Amino acid sequence: MILAAWLAASVLVGLDVVDADAGRPLAGRRVGLVSHAASVTADGRHAVDVLRARGVTVVRLFAPEHGLRGAAAAGEGVASGRDAASGLPVVSLYGARRKPRAEDLRGLDALVVDLQDAGVRFYTYESTLLLCLDAAAEAGLELVVLDRPNPLGGERVAGPVSERPAGFLSMAPGPLLHGLTLGELARLANASRPRPARLTVVPMRSWRRGTTWADTGRAWIPPSPNLRSPDAALAYPGVALLEATNVSEGRGTDAPFLKLGAPWLAGWTPASAPGFAFEPVRFTPEAPEPKLRGMACLGVAVRVVDATQADPWRLGLSLLLSLRQRPEFAWLRDGAALDTLLGTDRLRKGIDAGLDSDALVAADREAVAAFRARRAVFLLY
């Protein structure tokens, strides 16, 4: 009774809905499943086990970045093989190939995607979804997305729109923070495909656009090794921009994306950002962090003080603008690293030209407004 009452008060993700609906719309079908460590029900059962228990024949698994069980480090290749826990064959989508081949989809009735996203374009699960969408369309196969919350909520839409040919880090449409769930993103992207896929989205129940993660009633399961808490997810879109600089974003510490610094940042405090606060910190990045590994760093710890008001894009701008004033600061690869991350060089050039955060936000305002209008018809919540 206690568990039933708790579930009734919680957001039910697409996987929970399939479970509650006796496996519909997948029962009796042969499917491939794209999943990871966070592909679980509210009570912690993995998608593989839930689907099998509900009469779905899971033929093979597909592994995105970090692998099926979330153990692979960022950027580390994922091998194909066999999943020890389920005994099923595994096709890597983060190795030599990142898109399912026709032979990978042969014999399936549907390709099912159940991934917890982070709500920011350079988080690679979005690109994996879109490549699966295209592969399903080419194979004449139905793509089924089991929807999950955007941990940033559905109203944070900010940052630049990609201006470059879609690489794996900038494949999703719209601004860097798009405010969509993966199901909504699939709907929007599919509508503009020359060859749309047969797309089904199993929507969540009780999720609202303004919902913070704490309001979902769900435990946080890290979708990747370094995204360890809802607070880290809120800070991630801003702090992760430091990956393109000679400053540590906290990888290799006990709080990735909530600590940042460098050996030369003594006495530094960035300008404030809505919903966040900073505290001085010392840390030493360790393996597997390659940047500044073993070096004592000075910097700040990022603390979320108001999740409803937190503005991760303003956070990122505050950090970059402040760091750019330090003589020791450098863009990695002469700025190409940030340009690749964002899909445009406009932000880097604006910062180098001395624009302030208001001007940088204003530069994206028209594109953000146009995207909000475009996405409206595809929203599910």
Foldseek 3Di string as FASTA:
>chain_A
DVVVVLVVQFKWWLLNVCLVVLNPPAAPFEEEEEAAQPQATLVGHHSVVSNVVSRHHDQAYEAEPCGRHQPHAVLDADDWAADPVPRHTYHYLGHPHNADDLVNCPPGQEYEYRADFLQFQQGQVLLSLVSPFVRQLVNLHEYEYGWDANQLFQPQFAAAFAPAPDDSRRNQGHHRRQSAISQLSLVLVQVPDPRHHNYHYRGMPPDDRLDHPVSRSGDDDDSHPQCHDSFLSLQVVQLVLCVQKLKAQQAQHPHGNQWIWAQPQPPDDWDDFWQKDWDKDWDARDPPDPRNHRHITIDIGIDGPDSSTGRNNSNNQRVVLRQVPDPVMAGPPNQVVSCVNRNHSVVVVCSVVPHHPVVNRVVCVVRSVVSVVSSVVSDDD
